[in-house]
């Protein structure tokens, strides 16, 4: 959650995949509750960023 991987996925236009990946990642870190608690604000910020990014309709047609 602290890497730019989600932005890379968003730039490819894979918004729904990105939302799902974020949810899976956050669920997976629930195995370590202390870490999940520390990353909760980052998780919420990513959710908001994904929501706003979708409104921009920016997609990199040639990601490579």
Protein backbone atom coordinates (compact mmCIF):
# COMPACT_ATOMS: atom_id res chain seq x y z
CA UNK A 1 0.00 0.00 0.00
CA UNK A 2 2.95 2.33 0.32
CA UNK A 3 4.17 1.83 -3.25
CA UNK A 4 3.13 3.44 -6.54
CA UNK A 5 1.80 0.13 -7.89
CA UNK A 6 -1.82 1.31 -7.62
CA UNK A 7 -1.05 4.39 -9.73
CA UNK A 8 0.54 2.21 -12.39
CA UNK A 9 -2.59 0.05 -12.52
CA UNK A 10 -4.79 3.15 -12.71
CA UNK A 11 -2.76 4.61 -15.57
CA UNK A 12 -3.44 1.41 -17.51
CA UNK A 13 -7.16 2.06 -17.09
CA UNK A 14 -7.71 -0.99 -14.88
CA UNK A 15 -9.71 0.92 -12.28
CA UNK A 16 -11.97 -1.92 -11.15
CA UNK A 17 -8.99 -4.24 -10.84
CA UNK A 18 -7.19 -1.58 -8.80
CA UNK A 19 -10.12 -1.22 -6.41
CA UNK A 20 -10.24 -4.98 -5.95
CA UNK A 21 -6.49 -5.22 -5.44
CA UNK A 22 -6.60 -2.52 -2.78
CA UNK A 23 -9.41 -4.33 -0.95
CA UNK A 24 -7.58 -7.67 -1.13
CA UNK A 25 -4.34 -6.12 0.09
CA UNK A 26 -6.07 -4.45 3.02
CA UNK A 27 -7.87 -7.67 3.91
CA UNK A 28 -4.61 -9.60 3.74
CA UNK A 29 -2.83 -7.28 6.16
CA UNK A 30 -5.65 -7.90 8.65
CA UNK A 31 -3.60 -10.95 9.60
CA UNK A 32 -1.43 -8.45 11.49
CA UNK A 33 -3.96 -6.12 13.17
CA UNK A 34 -1.33 -3.63 14.35
CA UNK A 35 -0.11 -3.12 10.80
CA UNK A 36 -3.64 -2.85 9.43
CA UNK A 37 -4.45 -0.18 11.99
CA UNK A 38 -1.35 1.82 11.03
CA UNK A 39 -2.18 1.57 7.33
CA UNK A 40 -5.88 2.39 7.65
CA UNK A 41 -5.44 6.06 6.77
CA UNK A 42 -3.35 5.14 3.71
CA UNK A 43 -6.00 2.64 2.66
CA UNK A 44 -8.72 5.29 2.91
CA UNK A 45 -6.58 7.78 0.98
CA UNK A 46 -6.03 5.25 -1.83
CA UNK A 47 -9.79 4.59 -1.99
CA UNK A 48 -10.41 8.31 -2.39
CA UNK A 49 -7.64 8.69 -4.97
CA UNK A 50 -9.04 5.81 -7.04
CA UNK A 51 -12.51 7.34 -6.90
CA UNK A 52 -11.20 10.75 -8.03
CA UNK A 53 -8.83 9.30 -10.64
CA UNK A 54 -11.77 7.59 -12.32
CA UNK A 55 -13.45 10.98 -12.76
CA UNK A 56 -10.42 12.31 -14.65
CA UNK A 57 -10.76 9.64 -17.36
CA UNK A 58 -6.98 9.50 -17.80
CA UNK A 59 -5.69 6.30 -19.35
CA UNK A 60 -2.24 5.59 -20.72
CA UNK A 61 -2.92 3.86 -24.05
CA UNK A 62 0.72 2.70 -24.26
CA UNK A 63 1.83 1.85 -20.71
CA UNK A 64 5.19 0.39 -21.84
